[in-house]
Each structure stands twice: as C-alpha cells, then as structure tokens.
Amino acid sequence: MAAVNIDQDFMLRIEGALDQIRPYLEADGGNVKVLEVTDEMVLKLELLGACGSCPMSAMTLKAGVEQSVLRAVPEIKAVEAVNVTPIA
C-alpha cells in the first residue's frame, strides 16, 4: 500500500464494499483486485477476467464499483482501474 495510515480495518471496509458488487462482476466472468490506495486516497484496482477486456468496463467501474466503495468508505476520493478499456 502506498498510502500512509492504511490499517487492516480500512482495507476490510474496502473489501467489504467490493464484495457487495463482486457477485455481479463474477456473473459476467470478471472480478477486481485491490492494488493500492495512494496518498491522495485514490483506490487503484485491477480488473480481472472478462472485466479487463469488456468495452463496458469503464461504465461498470464508475457506476458500480466506485459508487459502492465511496458509499462504504467515504475517505476514498476516487476509484481508478489500471487496465480499464477506454470508452470509444
């Protein structure tokens, strides 16, 4: 983790928020993996499986994953995927 003061409880809250959306991602053959939380409180994720190559992954990230995380962990300022497929 790149950010300071990230404790286990904080990471459990992030994982809990992701667990709320994971069944939907998994239903389509995808998932997400936490890579880091930056000093600016940006959560960096890797899209796994079908999510890594899906043309709708940017929308799923913003409308689903990010909203779930921001609701559960308001300290997080943004959610970014390192391998998101850009919207054409």
PDB file of N, CA and C in Angstrom:
ATOM      1  N   MET A   1       0.833  -1.187   0.000  1.00  0.00           N
ATOM      2  CA  MET A   1       0.000   0.000   0.000  1.00  0.00           C
ATOM      3  C   MET A   1       0.873   1.244   0.000  1.00  0.00           C
ATOM      4  N   ALA A   2       0.540   2.178  -0.819  1.00  0.00           N
ATOM      5  CA  ALA A   2       1.317   3.401  -0.915  1.00  0.00           C
ATOM      6  C   ALA A   2       0.879   4.439   0.113  1.00  0.00           C
ATOM      7  N   ALA A   3      -0.370   4.425   0.496  1.00  0.00           N
ATOM      8  CA  ALA A   3      -0.873   5.461   1.396  1.00  0.00           C
ATOM      9  C   ALA A   3      -0.456   5.177   2.834  1.00  0.00           C
ATOM     10  N   VAL A   4      -0.290   6.241   3.564  1.00  0.00           N
ATOM     11  CA  VAL A   4       0.045   6.112   4.971  1.00  0.00           C
ATOM     12  C   VAL A   4      -1.247   5.911   5.768  1.00  0.00           C
ATOM     13  N   ASN A   5      -1.115   5.347   6.947  1.00  0.00           N
ATOM     14  CA  ASN A   5      -2.249   5.161   7.854  1.00  0.00           C
ATOM     15  C   ASN A   5      -3.356   4.280   7.286  1.00  0.00           C
ATOM     16  N   ILE A   6      -2.996   3.318   6.472  1.00  0.00           N
ATOM     17  CA  ILE A   6      -3.980   2.362   5.982  1.00  0.00           C
ATOM     18  C   ILE A   6      -3.888   1.137   6.881  1.00  0.00           C
ATOM     19  N   ASP A   7      -4.910   0.939   7.693  1.00  0.00           N
ATOM     20  CA  ASP A   7      -4.871  -0.196   8.598  1.00  0.00           C
ATOM     21  C   ASP A   7      -5.760  -1.329   8.082  1.00  0.00           C
ATOM     22  N   GLN A   8      -5.727  -2.425   8.802  1.00  0.00           N
ATOM     23  CA  GLN A   8      -6.478  -3.608   8.371  1.00  0.00           C
ATOM     24  C   GLN A   8      -7.978  -3.330   8.337  1.00  0.00           C
ATOM     25  N   ASP A   9      -8.493  -2.585   9.309  1.00  0.00           N
ATOM     26  CA  ASP A   9      -9.918  -2.263   9.327  1.00  0.00           C
ATOM     27  C   ASP A   9     -10.320  -1.470   8.081  1.00  0.00           C
ATOM     28  N   PHE A  10      -9.471  -0.535   7.685  1.00  0.00           N
ATOM     29  CA  PHE A  10      -9.741   0.269   6.487  1.00  0.00           C
ATOM     30  C   PHE A  10      -9.805  -0.627   5.252  1.00  0.00           C
ATOM     31  N   MET A  11      -8.840  -1.540   5.135  1.00  0.00           N
ATOM     32  CA  MET A  11      -8.828  -2.456   3.992  1.00  0.00           C
ATOM     33  C   MET A  11     -10.027  -3.399   4.027  1.00  0.00           C
ATOM     34  N   LEU A  12     -10.440  -3.809   5.201  1.00  0.00           N
ATOM     35  CA  LEU A  12     -11.622  -4.667   5.313  1.00  0.00           C
ATOM     36  C   LEU A  12     -12.881  -3.927   4.860  1.00  0.00           C
ATOM     37  N   ARG A  13     -12.959  -2.638   5.141  1.00  0.00           N
ATOM     38  CA  ARG A  13     -14.105  -1.837   4.678  1.00  0.00           C
ATOM     39  C   ARG A  13     -14.107  -1.746   3.159  1.00  0.00           C
ATOM     40  N   ILE A  14     -12.927  -1.561   2.562  1.00  0.00           N
ATOM     41  CA  ILE A  14     -12.829  -1.512   1.096  1.00  0.00           C
ATOM     42  C   ILE A  14     -13.232  -2.857   0.509  1.00  0.00           C
ATOM     43  N   GLU A  15     -12.682  -3.940   1.046  1.00  0.00           N
ATOM     44  CA  GLU A  15     -13.001  -5.275   0.535  1.00  0.00           C
ATOM     45  C   GLU A  15     -14.488  -5.585   0.730  1.00  0.00           C
ATOM     46  N   GLY A  16     -15.060  -5.137   1.838  1.00  0.00           N
ATOM     47  CA  GLY A  16     -16.491  -5.340   2.076  1.00  0.00           C
ATOM     48  C   GLY A  16     -17.339  -4.644   1.021  1.00  0.00           C
ATOM     49  N   ALA A  17     -16.937  -3.436   0.665  1.00  0.00           N
ATOM     50  CA  ALA A  17     -17.662  -2.701  -0.381  1.00  0.00           C
ATOM     51  C   ALA A  17     -17.528  -3.419  -1.719  1.00  0.00           C
ATOM     52  N   LEU A  18     -16.331  -3.901  -2.012  1.00  0.00           N
ATOM     53  CA  LEU A  18     -16.122  -4.633  -3.269  1.00  0.00           C
ATOM     54  C   LEU A  18     -16.898  -5.948  -3.272  1.00  0.00           C
ATOM     55  N   ASP A  19     -16.996  -6.582  -2.103  1.00  0.00           N
ATOM     56  CA  ASP A  19     -17.748  -7.834  -2.011  1.00  0.00           C
ATOM     57  C   ASP A  19     -19.229  -7.641  -2.340  1.00  0.00           C
ATOM     58  N   GLN A  20     -19.745  -6.428  -2.149  1.00  0.00           N
ATOM     59  CA  GLN A  20     -21.133  -6.144  -2.490  1.00  0.00           C
ATOM     60  C   GLN A  20     -21.371  -6.181  -4.001  1.00  0.00           C
ATOM     61  N   ILE A  21     -20.361  -5.836  -4.767  1.00  0.00           N
ATOM     62  CA  ILE A  21     -20.501  -5.761  -6.227  1.00  0.00           C
ATOM     63  C   ILE A  21     -19.907  -6.979  -6.932  1.00  0.00           C
ATOM     64  N   ARG A  22     -19.051  -7.715  -6.240  1.00  0.00           N
ATOM     65  CA  ARG A  22     -18.380  -8.868  -6.867  1.00  0.00           C
ATOM     66  C   ARG A  22     -19.325  -9.898  -7.474  1.00  0.00           C
ATOM     67  N   PRO A  23     -20.443 -10.247  -6.846  1.00  0.00           N
ATOM     68  CA  PRO A  23     -21.318 -11.248  -7.475  1.00  0.00           C
ATOM     69  C   PRO A  23     -21.770 -10.844  -8.887  1.00  0.00           C
ATOM     70  N   TYR A  24     -21.982  -9.559  -9.107  1.00  0.00           N
ATOM     71  CA  TYR A  24     -22.394  -9.078 -10.426  1.00  0.00           C
ATOM     72  C   TYR A  24     -21.243  -9.175 -11.420  1.00  0.00           C
ATOM     73  N   LEU A  25     -20.049  -8.842 -10.956  1.00  0.00           N
ATOM     74  CA  LEU A  25     -18.868  -8.953 -11.820  1.00  0.00           C
ATOM     75  C   LEU A  25     -18.588 -10.419 -12.157  1.00  0.00           C
ATOM     76  N   GLU A  26     -18.667 -11.268 -11.138  1.00  0.00           N
ATOM     77  CA  GLU A  26     -18.395 -12.688 -11.333  1.00  0.00           C
ATOM     78  C   GLU A  26     -19.417 -13.351 -12.246  1.00  0.00           C
ATOM     79  N   ALA A  27     -20.653 -12.872 -12.208  1.00  0.00           N
ATOM     80  CA  ALA A  27     -21.693 -13.429 -13.076  1.00  0.00           C
ATOM     81  C   ALA A  27     -21.343 -13.244 -14.545  1.00  0.00           C
ATOM     82  N   ASP A  28     -20.563 -12.215 -14.839  1.00  0.00           N
ATOM     83  CA  ASP A  28     -20.136 -11.955 -16.214  1.00  0.00           C
ATOM     84  C   ASP A  28     -18.694 -12.394 -16.461  1.00  0.00           C
ATOM     85  N   GLY A  29     -18.120 -13.161 -15.525  1.00  0.00           N
ATOM     86  CA  GLY A  29     -16.779 -13.693 -15.715  1.00  0.00           C
ATOM     87  C   GLY A  29     -15.658 -12.752 -15.315  1.00  0.00           C
ATOM     88  N   GLY A  30     -15.945 -11.783 -14.462  1.00  0.00           N
ATOM     89  CA  GLY A  30     -14.919 -10.820 -14.067  1.00  0.00           C
ATOM     90  C   GLY A  30     -14.754 -10.714 -12.571  1.00  0.00           C
ATOM     91  N   ASN A  31     -13.868  -9.817 -12.169  1.00  0.00           N
ATOM     92  CA  ASN A  31     -13.632  -9.536 -10.757  1.00  0.00           C
ATOM     93  C   ASN A  31     -12.719  -8.317 -10.673  1.00  0.00           C
ATOM     94  N   VAL A  32     -12.415  -7.878  -9.465  1.00  0.00           N
ATOM     95  CA  VAL A  32     -11.485  -6.773  -9.244  1.00  0.00           C
ATOM     96  C   VAL A  32     -10.510  -7.153  -8.147  1.00  0.00           C
ATOM     97  N   LYS A  33      -9.323  -6.553  -8.204  1.00  0.00           N
ATOM     98  CA  LYS A  33      -8.280  -6.794  -7.212  1.00  0.00           C
ATOM     99  C   LYS A  33      -7.738  -5.444  -6.765  1.00  0.00           C
ATOM    100  N   VAL A  34      -7.634  -5.236  -5.461  1.00  0.00           N
ATOM    101  CA  VAL A  34      -7.063  -4.008  -4.915  1.00  0.00           C
ATOM    102  C   VAL A  34      -5.556  -4.035  -5.136  1.00  0.00           C
ATOM    103  N   LEU A  35      -5.042  -2.963  -5.741  1.00  0.00           N
ATOM    104  CA  LEU A  35      -3.602  -2.827  -5.944  1.00  0.00           C
ATOM    105  C   LEU A  35      -2.980  -1.893  -4.906  1.00  0.00           C
ATOM    106  N   GLU A  36      -3.612  -0.741  -4.704  1.00  0.00           N
ATOM    107  CA  GLU A  36      -3.067   0.220  -3.734  1.00  0.00           C
ATOM    108  C   GLU A  36      -4.084   1.298  -3.432  1.00  0.00           C
ATOM    109  N   VAL A  37      -3.817   2.003  -2.350  1.00  0.00           N
ATOM    110  CA  VAL A  37      -4.506   3.248  -2.017  1.00  0.00           C
ATOM    111  C   VAL A  37      -3.413   4.295  -1.987  1.00  0.00           C
ATOM    112  N   THR A  38      -3.539   5.306  -2.844  1.00  0.00           N
ATOM    113  CA  THR A  38      -2.491   6.319  -2.944  1.00  0.00           C
ATOM    114  C   THR A  38      -2.570   7.297  -1.771  1.00  0.00           C
ATOM    115  N   ASP A  39      -1.554   8.133  -1.644  1.00  0.00           N
ATOM    116  CA  ASP A  39      -1.547   9.162  -0.609  1.00  0.00           C
ATOM    117  C   ASP A  39      -2.704  10.142  -0.788  1.00  0.00           C
ATOM    118  N   GLU A  40      -3.192  10.260  -2.024  1.00  0.00           N
ATOM    119  CA  GLU A  40      -4.325  11.154  -2.321  1.00  0.00           C
ATOM    120  C   GLU A  40      -5.660  10.454  -2.086  1.00  0.00           C
ATOM    121  N   MET A  41      -5.619   9.243  -1.511  1.00  0.00           N
ATOM    122  CA  MET A  41      -6.809   8.434  -1.210  1.00  0.00           C
ATOM    123  C   MET A  41      -7.559   8.006  -2.470  1.00  0.00           C
ATOM    124  N   VAL A  42      -6.801   7.660  -3.493  1.00  0.00           N
ATOM    125  CA  VAL A  42      -7.358   7.083  -4.715  1.00  0.00           C
ATOM    126  C   VAL A  42      -7.134   5.579  -4.643  1.00  0.00           C
ATOM    127  N   LEU A  43      -8.219   4.827  -4.765  1.00  0.00           N
ATOM    128  CA  LEU A  43      -8.144   3.379  -4.757  1.00  0.00           C
ATOM    129  C   LEU A  43      -7.832   2.902  -6.167  1.00  0.00           C
ATOM    130  N   LYS A  44      -6.723   2.175  -6.313  1.00  0.00           N
ATOM    131  CA  LYS A  44      -6.313   1.653  -7.616  1.00  0.00           C
ATOM    132  C   LYS A  44      -6.647   0.166  -7.655  1.00  0.00           C
ATOM    133  N   LEU A  45      -7.374  -0.219  -8.693  1.00  0.00           N
ATOM    134  CA  LEU A  45      -7.811  -1.603  -8.857  1.00  0.00           C
ATOM    135  C   LEU A  45      -7.299  -2.174 -10.164  1.00  0.00           C
ATOM    136  N   GLU A  46      -7.240  -3.496 -10.211  1.00  0.00           N
ATOM    137  CA  GLU A  46      -7.001  -4.205 -11.463  1.00  0.00           C
ATOM    138  C   GLU A  46      -8.286  -4.945 -11.800  1.00  0.00           C
ATOM    139  N   LEU A  47      -8.757  -4.772 -13.026  1.00  0.00           N
ATOM    140  CA  LEU A  47      -9.926  -5.507 -13.486  1.00  0.00           C
ATOM    141  C   LEU A  47      -9.466  -6.878 -13.955  1.00  0.00           C
ATOM    142  N   LEU A  48     -10.129  -7.915 -13.479  1.00  0.00           N
ATOM    143  CA  LEU A  48      -9.723  -9.277 -13.770  1.00  0.00           C
ATOM    144  C   LEU A  48     -10.732  -9.978 -14.671  1.00  0.00           C
ATOM    145  N   GLY A  49     -10.271 -11.019 -15.351  1.00  0.00           N
ATOM    146  CA  GLY A  49     -11.155 -11.824 -16.186  1.00  0.00           C
ATOM    147  C   GLY A  49     -11.782 -11.008 -17.287  1.00  0.00           C
ATOM    148  N   ALA A  50     -13.062 -11.229 -17.503  1.00  0.00           N
ATOM    149  CA  ALA A  50     -13.781 -10.548 -18.577  1.00  0.00           C
ATOM    150  C   ALA A  50     -13.819  -9.037 -18.385  1.00  0.00           C
ATOM    151  N   CYS A  51     -13.713  -8.579 -17.154  1.00  0.00           N
ATOM    152  CA  CYS A  51     -13.754  -7.129 -16.896  1.00  0.00           C
ATOM    153  C   CYS A  51     -12.558  -6.412 -17.516  1.00  0.00           C
ATOM    154  N   GLY A  52     -11.440  -7.097 -17.646  1.00  0.00           N
ATOM    155  CA  GLY A  52     -10.249  -6.473 -18.194  1.00  0.00           C
ATOM    156  C   GLY A  52     -10.357  -6.131 -19.657  1.00  0.00           C
ATOM    157  N   SER A  53     -11.238  -6.818 -20.385  1.00  0.00           N
ATOM    158  CA  SER A  53     -11.348  -6.582 -21.823  1.00  0.00           C
ATOM    159  C   SER A  53     -12.743  -6.141 -22.261  1.00  0.00           C
ATOM    160  N   CYS A  54     -13.640  -5.984 -21.331  1.00  0.00           N
ATOM    161  CA  CYS A  54     -15.019  -5.613 -21.669  1.00  0.00           C
ATOM    162  C   CYS A  54     -15.097  -4.143 -22.075  1.00  0.00           C
ATOM    163  N   PRO A  55     -15.785  -3.858 -23.186  1.00  0.00           N
ATOM    164  CA  PRO A  55     -15.917  -2.458 -23.601  1.00  0.00           C
ATOM    165  C   PRO A  55     -16.757  -1.615 -22.634  1.00  0.00           C
ATOM    166  N   MET A  56     -17.509  -2.256 -21.752  1.00  0.00           N
ATOM    167  CA  MET A  56     -18.330  -1.530 -20.780  1.00  0.00           C
ATOM    168  C   MET A  56     -17.630  -1.386 -19.426  1.00  0.00           C
ATOM    169  N   SER A  57     -16.368  -1.796 -19.344  1.00  0.00           N
ATOM    170  CA  SER A  57     -15.684  -1.801 -18.052  1.00  0.00           C
ATOM    171  C   SER A  57     -15.564  -0.407 -17.434  1.00  0.00           C
ATOM    172  N   ALA A  58     -15.379   0.614 -18.230  1.00  0.00           N
ATOM    173  CA  ALA A  58     -15.286   1.978 -17.684  1.00  0.00           C
ATOM    174  C   ALA A  58     -16.596   2.380 -17.020  1.00  0.00           C
ATOM    175  N   MET A  59     -17.707   2.026 -17.638  1.00  0.00           N
ATOM    176  CA  MET A  59     -19.013   2.358 -17.064  1.00  0.00           C
ATOM    177  C   MET A  59     -19.256   1.538 -15.793  1.00  0.00           C
ATOM    178  N   THR A  60     -18.913   0.262 -15.832  1.00  0.00           N
ATOM    179  CA  THR A  60     -19.065  -0.586 -14.656  1.00  0.00           C
ATOM    180  C   THR A  60     -18.226  -0.059 -13.508  1.00  0.00           C
ATOM    181  N   LEU A  61     -17.018   0.376 -13.809  1.00  0.00           N
ATOM    182  CA  LEU A  61     -16.132   0.902 -12.778  1.00  0.00           C
ATOM    183  C   LEU A  61     -16.749   2.123 -12.109  1.00  0.00           C
ATOM    184  N   LYS A  62     -17.217   3.074 -12.890  1.00  0.00           N
ATOM    185  CA  LYS A  62     -17.757   4.322 -12.338  1.00  0.00           C
ATOM    186  C   LYS A  62     -19.130   4.130 -11.702  1.00  0.00           C
ATOM    187  N   ALA A  63     -20.035   3.460 -12.409  1.00  0.00           N
ATOM    188  CA  ALA A  63     -21.417   3.356 -11.943  1.00  0.00           C
ATOM    189  C   ALA A  63     -21.601   2.294 -10.864  1.00  0.00           C
ATOM    190  N   GLY A  64     -20.771   1.283 -10.860  1.00  0.00           N
ATOM    191  CA  GLY A  64     -20.951   0.191  -9.911  1.00  0.00           C
ATOM    192  C   GLY A  64     -19.895   0.159  -8.831  1.00  0.00           C
ATOM    193  N   VAL A  65     -18.682  -0.113  -9.229  1.00  0.00           N
ATOM    194  CA  VAL A  65     -17.598  -0.323  -8.268  1.00  0.00           C
ATOM    195  C   VAL A  65     -17.314   0.951  -7.479  1.00  0.00           C
ATOM    196  N   GLU A  66     -17.093   2.059  -8.176  1.00  0.00           N
ATOM    197  CA  GLU A  66     -16.752   3.302  -7.475  1.00  0.00           C
ATOM    198  C   GLU A  66     -17.870   3.727  -6.527  1.00  0.00           C
ATOM    199  N   GLN A  67     -19.105   3.660  -6.959  1.00  0.00           N
ATOM    200  CA  GLN A  67     -20.214   4.087  -6.105  1.00  0.00           C
ATOM    201  C   GLN A  67     -20.321   3.232  -4.851  1.00  0.00           C
ATOM    202  N   SER A  68     -20.106   1.932  -5.002  1.00  0.00           N
ATOM    203  CA  SER A  68     -20.150   1.031  -3.857  1.00  0.00           C
ATOM    204  C   SER A  68     -19.052   1.371  -2.854  1.00  0.00           C
ATOM    205  N   VAL A  69     -17.852   1.624  -3.346  1.00  0.00           N
ATOM    206  CA  VAL A  69     -16.722   1.948  -2.467  1.00  0.00           C
ATOM    207  C   VAL A  69     -16.924   3.308  -1.799  1.00  0.00           C
ATOM    208  N   LEU A  70     -17.307   4.319  -2.561  1.00  0.00           N
ATOM    209  CA  LEU A  70     -17.475   5.667  -1.994  1.00  0.00           C
ATOM    210  C   LEU A  70     -18.570   5.704  -0.931  1.00  0.00           C
ATOM    211  N   ARG A  71     -19.612   4.913  -1.121  1.00  0.00           N
ATOM    212  CA  ARG A  71     -20.690   4.855  -0.140  1.00  0.00           C
ATOM    213  C   ARG A  71     -20.205   4.218   1.172  1.00  0.00           C
ATOM    214  N   ALA A  72     -19.408   3.172   1.077  1.00  0.00           N
ATOM    215  CA  ALA A  72     -18.966   2.444   2.264  1.00  0.00           C
ATOM    216  C   ALA A  72     -17.709   3.034   2.903  1.00  0.00           C
ATOM    217  N   VAL A  73     -16.874   3.676   2.084  1.00  0.00           N
ATOM    218  CA  VAL A  73     -15.590   4.197   2.568  1.00  0.00           C
ATOM    219  C   VAL A  73     -15.439   5.639   2.073  1.00  0.00           C
ATOM    220  N   PRO A  74     -16.093   6.588   2.735  1.00  0.00           N
ATOM    221  CA  PRO A  74     -16.086   7.973   2.248  1.00  0.00           C
ATOM    222  C   PRO A  74     -14.702   8.627   2.233  1.00  0.00           C
ATOM    223  N   GLU A  75     -13.737   8.047   2.924  1.00  0.00           N
ATOM    224  CA  GLU A  75     -12.380   8.599   2.889  1.00  0.00           C
ATOM    225  C   GLU A  75     -11.751   8.472   1.502  1.00  0.00           C
ATOM    226  N   ILE A  76     -12.200   7.481   0.741  1.00  0.00           N
ATOM    227  CA  ILE A  76     -11.691   7.285  -0.620  1.00  0.00           C
ATOM    228  C   ILE A  76     -12.249   8.401  -1.494  1.00  0.00           C
ATOM    229  N   LYS A  77     -11.374   9.048  -2.249  1.00  0.00           N
ATOM    230  CA  LYS A  77     -11.782  10.178  -3.090  1.00  0.00           C
ATOM    231  C   LYS A  77     -12.161   9.743  -4.500  1.00  0.00           C
ATOM    232  N   ALA A  78     -11.545   8.678  -5.005  1.00  0.00           N
ATOM    233  CA  ALA A  78     -11.826   8.195  -6.361  1.00  0.00           C
ATOM    234  C   ALA A  78     -11.372   6.742  -6.476  1.00  0.00           C
ATOM    235  N   VAL A  79     -11.908   6.069  -7.489  1.00  0.00           N
ATOM    236  CA  VAL A  79     -11.516   4.695  -7.781  1.00  0.00           C
ATOM    237  C   VAL A  79     -11.061   4.661  -9.230  1.00  0.00           C
ATOM    238  N   GLU A  80      -9.883   4.097  -9.457  1.00  0.00           N
ATOM    239  CA  GLU A  80      -9.333   4.001 -10.812  1.00  0.00           C
ATOM    240  C   GLU A  80      -8.899   2.573 -11.073  1.00  0.00           C
ATOM    241  N   ALA A  81      -9.067   2.147 -12.309  1.00  0.00           N
ATOM    242  CA  ALA A  81      -8.565   0.841 -12.711  1.00  0.00           C
ATOM    243  C   ALA A  81      -7.317   1.070 -13.568  1.00  0.00           C
ATOM    244  N   VAL A  82      -6.290   0.282 -13.345  1.00  0.00           N
ATOM    245  CA  VAL A  82      -5.057   0.459 -14.091  1.00  0.00           C
ATOM    246  C   VAL A  82      -5.166  -0.091 -15.498  1.00  0.00           C
ATOM    247  N   ASN A  83      -6.158  -0.940 -15.744  1.00  0.00           N
ATOM    248  CA  ASN A  83      -6.270  -1.591 -17.050  1.00  0.00           C
ATOM    249  C   ASN A  83      -7.667  -1.444 -17.651  1.00  0.00           C
ATOM    250  N   VAL A  84      -8.321  -0.331 -17.386  1.00  0.00           N
ATOM    251  CA  VAL A  84      -9.681  -0.133 -17.902  1.00  0.00           C
ATOM    252  C   VAL A  84      -9.657   0.106 -19.406  1.00  0.00           C
ATOM    253  N   THR A  85     -10.640  -0.473 -20.104  1.00  0.00           N
ATOM    254  CA  THR A  85     -10.787  -0.264 -21.536  1.00  0.00           C
ATOM    255  C   THR A  85     -11.427   1.094 -21.747  1.00  0.00           C
ATOM    256  N   PRO A  86     -10.773   2.009 -22.490  1.00  0.00           N
ATOM    257  CA  PRO A  86     -11.348   3.350 -22.676  1.00  0.00           C
ATOM    258  C   PRO A  86     -12.653   3.283 -23.462  1.00  0.00           C
ATOM    259  N   ILE A  87     -13.543   4.213 -23.141  1.00  0.00           N
ATOM    260  CA  ILE A  87     -14.814   4.321 -23.863  1.00  0.00           C
ATOM    261  C   ILE A  87     -14.535   4.941 -25.222  1.00  0.00           C
ATOM    262  N   ALA A  88     -15.032   4.300 -26.281  1.00  0.00           N
ATOM    263  CA  ALA A  88     -14.764   4.785 -27.640  1.00  0.00           C
ATOM    264  C   ALA A  88     -15.581   6.002 -27.979  1.00  0.00           C
TER     265      ALA A  88
END
